[in-house]
Structures are given as structure tokens and as C-alpha cells.
């Protein structure tokens, strides 16, 4: 098995078998330690050099309340989009908007609403309800304590019911 080295200046690992020359600050790393560091990096941790140039994992920094709120709002928006697309695709929404506009023109001229108008209005109302629920949930998130934000679930059905 080839030897593994870490270079703080390069910010990476070097395998002796793949590199003829190593950076001047390269330090040897045990294969098991290299595997541990790479596994931790795969979960989002960062590998940095300590004061002796050896690779260590950067301490885990708890997200701030603002970061937790931003993540919760982003999750809400993603869930709202998922729910809206379950009601109607973008194309269907666009066609519904055109149909609703045609119905308004027809009504202004005293003509009956075009076929499919009631269905278009139903989908529009469902989408509007989802958007309203998302706004209510975002208002809730803005007031929520950080302990609750850490476990926030944007898919919880209670967030998506009216009232």
C-alpha cells in the first residue's frame, strides 16, 4: 500500500504512488486516519491543518438562528412548490391564467365563460391556498425559538391546512 501525505499549503492529500514529488510541508498520514477524514468530509465536515500542519477536522459550528430560519423558509418554499406542481404543472397554470383572462373578457361582453373555466378557478384557488399557507408558516418560523427550528419539518401537514 502506498504512503499517504497531507499538505497544508496545497490543502490536500498526496499518495506516494501517484506523485513523484511532494510539497515541502507534506506530512505522512496513516491510512486509517485518511479514511476517517475522507468519510467525515463526505458528510460535510472540512479538513484543515492544525498548527503542526497535520490534517484535522474543523470543529462543528452550530448554525445561527438566522441560518436555521433561512433553511426553514427555503424548505417551506420547496414544499410549497412541490404541492403547487402536484395541483398543476407550469404549463397548466399558464393555460389556466389565459382561460381565466378569457372568461373575464367574455363576462365583460355578456358571453358565457369558456369551457373548463370552473376547473381553472378551482386549481387557482388550491394554488392560492398553498401560497397563503406558506406565508403563514413563514410567519411562524420568524417567531419560532431556535430549539424548534433545529427540528423544523416543512412537510408537516399541520402547516398546510387553512387557518
C-alpha atoms as a PDB file:
ATOM      1  CA  UNK A   1       0.000   0.000   0.000  1.00  0.00           C
ATOM      2  CA  UNK A   2       1.333   3.433  -0.867  1.00  0.00           C
ATOM      3  CA  UNK A   3       2.042   6.031   1.760  1.00  0.00           C
ATOM      4  CA  UNK A   4      -0.373   8.956   2.114  1.00  0.00           C
ATOM      5  CA  UNK A   5       0.701  12.531   2.815  1.00  0.00           C
ATOM      6  CA  UNK A   6      -1.149  15.741   3.600  1.00  0.00           C
ATOM      7  CA  UNK A   7      -0.005  19.197   2.597  1.00  0.00           C
ATOM      8  CA  UNK A   8      -1.411  22.216   4.438  1.00  0.00           C
ATOM      9  CA  UNK A   9      -0.201  24.588   1.704  1.00  0.00           C
ATOM     10  CA  UNK A  10      -1.944  22.555  -1.014  1.00  0.00           C
ATOM     11  CA  UNK A  11      -4.897  21.734   1.240  1.00  0.00           C
ATOM     12  CA  UNK A  12      -4.999  18.130   0.134  1.00  0.00           C
ATOM     13  CA  UNK A  13      -3.700  14.593   0.216  1.00  0.00           C
ATOM     14  CA  UNK A  14      -0.983  13.055  -1.889  1.00  0.00           C
ATOM     15  CA  UNK A  15      -0.471   9.353  -2.493  1.00  0.00           C
ATOM     16  CA  UNK A  16       3.169   8.444  -2.940  1.00  0.00           C
ATOM     17  CA  UNK A  17       2.312   6.102  -5.807  1.00  0.00           C
ATOM     18  CA  UNK A  18       0.629   8.916  -7.756  1.00  0.00           C
ATOM     19  CA  UNK A  19       3.036  11.775  -7.025  1.00  0.00           C
ATOM     20  CA  UNK A  20       6.759  11.744  -7.712  1.00  0.00           C
ATOM     21  CA  UNK A  21       7.332  14.940  -5.746  1.00  0.00           C
ATOM     22  CA  UNK A  22       5.551  16.126  -2.651  1.00  0.00           C
ATOM     23  CA  UNK A  23       5.093  19.652  -1.324  1.00  0.00           C
ATOM     24  CA  UNK A  24       7.752  20.659   1.202  1.00  0.00           C
ATOM     25  CA  UNK A  25       5.207  20.762   4.034  1.00  0.00           C
ATOM     26  CA  UNK A  26       3.775  17.278   3.354  1.00  0.00           C
ATOM     27  CA  UNK A  27       3.309  15.137   6.455  1.00  0.00           C
ATOM     28  CA  UNK A  28       2.600  11.418   6.499  1.00  0.00           C
ATOM     29  CA  UNK A  29      -0.933  10.326   7.408  1.00  0.00           C
ATOM     30  CA  UNK A  30      -1.939   6.825   8.438  1.00  0.00           C
ATOM     31  CA  UNK A  31      -4.313   5.092   6.016  1.00  0.00           C
ATOM     32  CA  UNK A  32      -6.952   4.647   8.730  1.00  0.00           C
ATOM     33  CA  UNK A  33      -6.794   8.352   9.675  1.00  0.00           C
ATOM     34  CA  UNK A  34      -7.016   9.308   5.986  1.00  0.00           C
ATOM     35  CA  UNK A  35     -10.138   7.132   5.640  1.00  0.00           C
ATOM     36  CA  UNK A  36     -11.696   8.744   8.745  1.00  0.00           C
ATOM     37  CA  UNK A  37     -11.022  12.246   7.431  1.00  0.00           C
ATOM     38  CA  UNK A  38     -12.419  11.477   3.980  1.00  0.00           C
ATOM     39  CA  UNK A  39     -15.535   9.848   5.486  1.00  0.00           C
ATOM     40  CA  UNK A  40     -16.136  12.927   7.658  1.00  0.00           C
ATOM     41  CA  UNK A  41     -15.593  15.203   4.660  1.00  0.00           C
ATOM     42  CA  UNK A  42     -18.283  13.280   2.779  1.00  0.00           C
ATOM     43  CA  UNK A  43     -20.759  14.289   5.495  1.00  0.00           C
ATOM     44  CA  UNK A  44     -19.956  17.985   5.080  1.00  0.00           C
ATOM     45  CA  UNK A  45     -17.075  18.410   7.518  1.00  0.00           C
ATOM     46  CA  UNK A  46     -13.997  20.338   6.389  1.00  0.00           C
ATOM     47  CA  UNK A  47     -10.434  19.067   6.610  1.00  0.00           C
ATOM     48  CA  UNK A  48      -7.986  21.754   7.740  1.00  0.00           C
ATOM     49  CA  UNK A  49      -4.430  21.818   9.021  1.00  0.00           C
ATOM     50  CA  UNK A  50      -3.633  22.180  12.709  1.00  0.00           C
ATOM     51  CA  UNK A  51      -0.727  24.302  13.963  1.00  0.00           C
ATOM     52  CA  UNK A  52       1.685  21.459  13.124  1.00  0.00           C
ATOM     53  CA  UNK A  53       0.391  21.068   9.572  1.00  0.00           C
ATOM     54  CA  UNK A  54      -1.430  17.814  10.304  1.00  0.00           C
ATOM     55  CA  UNK A  55      -4.911  17.271   8.867  1.00  0.00           C
ATOM     56  CA  UNK A  56      -7.760  17.613  11.364  1.00  0.00           C
ATOM     57  CA  UNK A  57     -11.484  18.152  11.106  1.00  0.00           C
ATOM     58  CA  UNK A  58     -12.681  21.690  11.547  1.00  0.00           C
ATOM     59  CA  UNK A  59     -14.830  21.992  14.663  1.00  0.00           C
ATOM     60  CA  UNK A  60     -18.546  21.745  14.006  1.00  0.00           C
ATOM     61  CA  UNK A  61     -20.125  25.159  14.231  1.00  0.00           C
ATOM     62  CA  UNK A  62     -23.771  25.184  15.179  1.00  0.00           C
ATOM     63  CA  UNK A  63     -25.862  27.144  12.695  1.00  0.00           C
ATOM     64  CA  UNK A  64     -27.057  30.555  13.848  1.00  0.00           C
ATOM     65  CA  UNK A  65     -30.745  31.276  14.422  1.00  0.00           C
ATOM     66  CA  UNK A  66     -30.758  33.285  11.187  1.00  0.00           C
ATOM     67  CA  UNK A  67     -29.270  30.332   9.276  1.00  0.00           C
ATOM     68  CA  UNK A  68     -31.852  27.976  10.792  1.00  0.00           C
ATOM     69  CA  UNK A  69     -34.670  30.373   9.859  1.00  0.00           C
ATOM     70  CA  UNK A  70     -33.347  30.755   6.308  1.00  0.00           C
ATOM     71  CA  UNK A  71     -33.108  26.964   5.948  1.00  0.00           C
ATOM     72  CA  UNK A  72     -36.670  26.534   7.277  1.00  0.00           C
ATOM     73  CA  UNK A  73     -38.050  29.160   4.883  1.00  0.00           C
ATOM     74  CA  UNK A  74     -36.197  27.571   1.949  1.00  0.00           C
ATOM     75  CA  UNK A  75     -37.662  24.192   2.940  1.00  0.00           C
ATOM     76  CA  UNK A  76     -41.140  25.751   3.102  1.00  0.00           C
ATOM     77  CA  UNK A  77     -40.746  27.265  -0.347  1.00  0.00           C
ATOM     78  CA  UNK A  78     -39.570  23.943  -1.774  1.00  0.00           C
ATOM     79  CA  UNK A  79     -42.534  22.149  -0.195  1.00  0.00           C
ATOM     80  CA  UNK A  80     -44.930  24.816  -1.492  1.00  0.00           C
ATOM     81  CA  UNK A  81     -43.526  24.345  -4.999  1.00  0.00           C
ATOM     82  CA  UNK A  82     -43.884  20.582  -4.725  1.00  0.00           C
ATOM     83  CA  UNK A  83     -47.508  20.942  -3.623  1.00  0.00           C
ATOM     84  CA  UNK A  84     -48.300  23.514  -6.322  1.00  0.00           C
ATOM     85  CA  UNK A  85     -46.859  21.304  -9.057  1.00  0.00           C
ATOM     86  CA  UNK A  86     -48.966  18.441  -7.717  1.00  0.00           C
ATOM     87  CA  UNK A  87     -52.019  20.640  -8.404  1.00  0.00           C
ATOM     88  CA  UNK A  88     -50.893  21.863 -11.831  1.00  0.00           C
ATOM     89  CA  UNK A  89     -47.766  21.966 -13.966  1.00  0.00           C
ATOM     90  CA  UNK A  90     -46.366  25.319 -15.075  1.00  0.00           C
ATOM     91  CA  UNK A  91     -47.985  24.786 -18.469  1.00  0.00           C
ATOM     92  CA  UNK A  92     -51.362  24.034 -16.867  1.00  0.00           C
ATOM     93  CA  UNK A  93     -51.031  27.117 -14.648  1.00  0.00           C
ATOM     94  CA  UNK A  94     -50.246  29.269 -17.682  1.00  0.00           C
ATOM     95  CA  UNK A  95     -53.194  27.857 -19.615  1.00  0.00           C
ATOM     96  CA  UNK A  96     -55.455  28.380 -16.593  1.00  0.00           C
ATOM     97  CA  UNK A  97     -54.357  32.026 -16.338  1.00  0.00           C
ATOM     98  CA  UNK A  98     -55.193  32.537 -20.017  1.00  0.00           C
ATOM     99  CA  UNK A  99     -58.559  30.802 -19.578  1.00  0.00           C
ATOM    100  CA  UNK A 100     -59.401  32.969 -16.560  1.00  0.00           C
ATOM    101  CA  UNK A 101     -58.499  36.093 -18.590  1.00  0.00           C
ATOM    102  CA  UNK A 102     -60.697  34.889 -21.474  1.00  0.00           C
ATOM    103  CA  UNK A 103     -63.538  34.301 -19.035  1.00  0.00           C
ATOM    104  CA  UNK A 104     -63.182  37.870 -17.744  1.00  0.00           C
ATOM    105  CA  UNK A 105     -63.350  39.216 -21.299  1.00  0.00           C
ATOM    106  CA  UNK A 106     -66.348  37.041 -22.064  1.00  0.00           C
ATOM    107  CA  UNK A 107     -68.117  38.202 -18.909  1.00  0.00           C
ATOM    108  CA  UNK A 108     -67.429  41.844 -19.831  1.00  0.00           C
ATOM    109  CA  UNK A 109     -69.110  41.236 -23.178  1.00  0.00           C
ATOM    110  CA  UNK A 110     -72.016  39.340 -21.669  1.00  0.00           C
ATOM    111  CA  UNK A 111     -70.877  35.981 -23.086  1.00  0.00           C
ATOM    112  CA  UNK A 112     -70.722  32.748 -21.082  1.00  0.00           C
ATOM    113  CA  UNK A 113     -67.439  31.599 -19.549  1.00  0.00           C
ATOM    114  CA  UNK A 114     -65.356  29.301 -21.743  1.00  0.00           C
ATOM    115  CA  UNK A 115     -65.355  25.548 -21.133  1.00  0.00           C
ATOM    116  CA  UNK A 116     -63.003  24.500 -18.327  1.00  0.00           C
ATOM    117  CA  UNK A 117     -63.255  27.855 -16.529  1.00  0.00           C
ATOM    118  CA  UNK A 118     -64.581  26.334 -13.280  1.00  0.00           C
ATOM    119  CA  UNK A 119     -61.752  23.771 -13.197  1.00  0.00           C
ATOM    120  CA  UNK A 120     -59.178  26.511 -13.833  1.00  0.00           C
ATOM    121  CA  UNK A 121     -60.620  28.568 -10.973  1.00  0.00           C
ATOM    122  CA  UNK A 122     -60.510  25.523  -8.691  1.00  0.00           C
ATOM    123  CA  UNK A 123     -56.839  24.905  -9.438  1.00  0.00           C
ATOM    124  CA  UNK A 124     -56.067  28.615  -8.984  1.00  0.00           C
ATOM    125  CA  UNK A 125     -57.844  28.611  -5.600  1.00  0.00           C
ATOM    126  CA  UNK A 126     -55.900  25.497  -4.499  1.00  0.00           C
ATOM    127  CA  UNK A 127     -52.601  27.110  -5.520  1.00  0.00           C
ATOM    128  CA  UNK A 128     -53.513  30.356  -3.755  1.00  0.00           C
ATOM    129  CA  UNK A 129     -54.317  28.363  -0.598  1.00  0.00           C
ATOM    130  CA  UNK A 130     -50.893  26.687  -0.740  1.00  0.00           C
ATOM    131  CA  UNK A 131     -49.176  30.063  -1.121  1.00  0.00           C
ATOM    132  CA  UNK A 132     -51.191  31.501   1.783  1.00  0.00           C
ATOM    133  CA  UNK A 133     -50.254  28.516   3.967  1.00  0.00           C
ATOM    134  CA  UNK A 134     -46.597  29.004   3.042  1.00  0.00           C
ATOM    135  CA  UNK A 135     -46.787  32.675   4.107  1.00  0.00           C
ATOM    136  CA  UNK A 136     -48.455  31.714   7.414  1.00  0.00           C
ATOM    137  CA  UNK A 137     -45.799  29.083   8.065  1.00  0.00           C
ATOM    138  CA  UNK A 138     -43.004  31.554   7.212  1.00  0.00           C
ATOM    139  CA  UNK A 139     -44.515  33.992   9.735  1.00  0.00           C
ATOM    140  CA  UNK A 140     -44.496  31.177  12.291  1.00  0.00           C
ATOM    141  CA  UNK A 141     -40.837  30.433  11.506  1.00  0.00           C
ATOM    142  CA  UNK A 142     -39.964  34.110  12.038  1.00  0.00           C
ATOM    143  CA  UNK A 143     -41.197  33.842  15.648  1.00  0.00           C
ATOM    144  CA  UNK A 144     -40.048  30.294  16.380  1.00  0.00           C
ATOM    145  CA  UNK A 145     -37.318  29.688  19.007  1.00  0.00           C
ATOM    146  CA  UNK A 146     -34.060  28.217  17.737  1.00  0.00           C
ATOM    147  CA  UNK A 147     -34.636  24.922  19.586  1.00  0.00           C
ATOM    148  CA  UNK A 148     -37.764  24.342  17.476  1.00  0.00           C
ATOM    149  CA  UNK A 149     -36.063  25.474  14.263  1.00  0.00           C
ATOM    150  CA  UNK A 150     -33.426  22.758  14.574  1.00  0.00           C
ATOM    151  CA  UNK A 151     -36.145  20.122  14.095  1.00  0.00           C
ATOM    152  CA  UNK A 152     -38.432  22.049  11.741  1.00  0.00           C
ATOM    153  CA  UNK A 153     -40.282  19.860   9.226  1.00  0.00           C
ATOM    154  CA  UNK A 154     -41.667  21.828   6.280  1.00  0.00           C
ATOM    155  CA  UNK A 155     -43.691  18.807   5.155  1.00  0.00           C
ATOM    156  CA  UNK A 156     -45.744  18.635   8.375  1.00  0.00           C
ATOM    157  CA  UNK A 157     -49.369  18.601   7.289  1.00  0.00           C
ATOM    158  CA  UNK A 158     -50.455  20.945  10.105  1.00  0.00           C
ATOM    159  CA  UNK A 159     -48.557  23.769   8.361  1.00  0.00           C
ATOM    160  CA  UNK A 160     -50.538  23.368   5.157  1.00  0.00           C
ATOM    161  CA  UNK A 161     -54.124  23.451   6.418  1.00  0.00           C
ATOM    162  CA  UNK A 162     -56.135  26.658   6.259  1.00  0.00           C
ATOM    163  CA  UNK A 163     -56.489  28.896   9.287  1.00  0.00           C
END
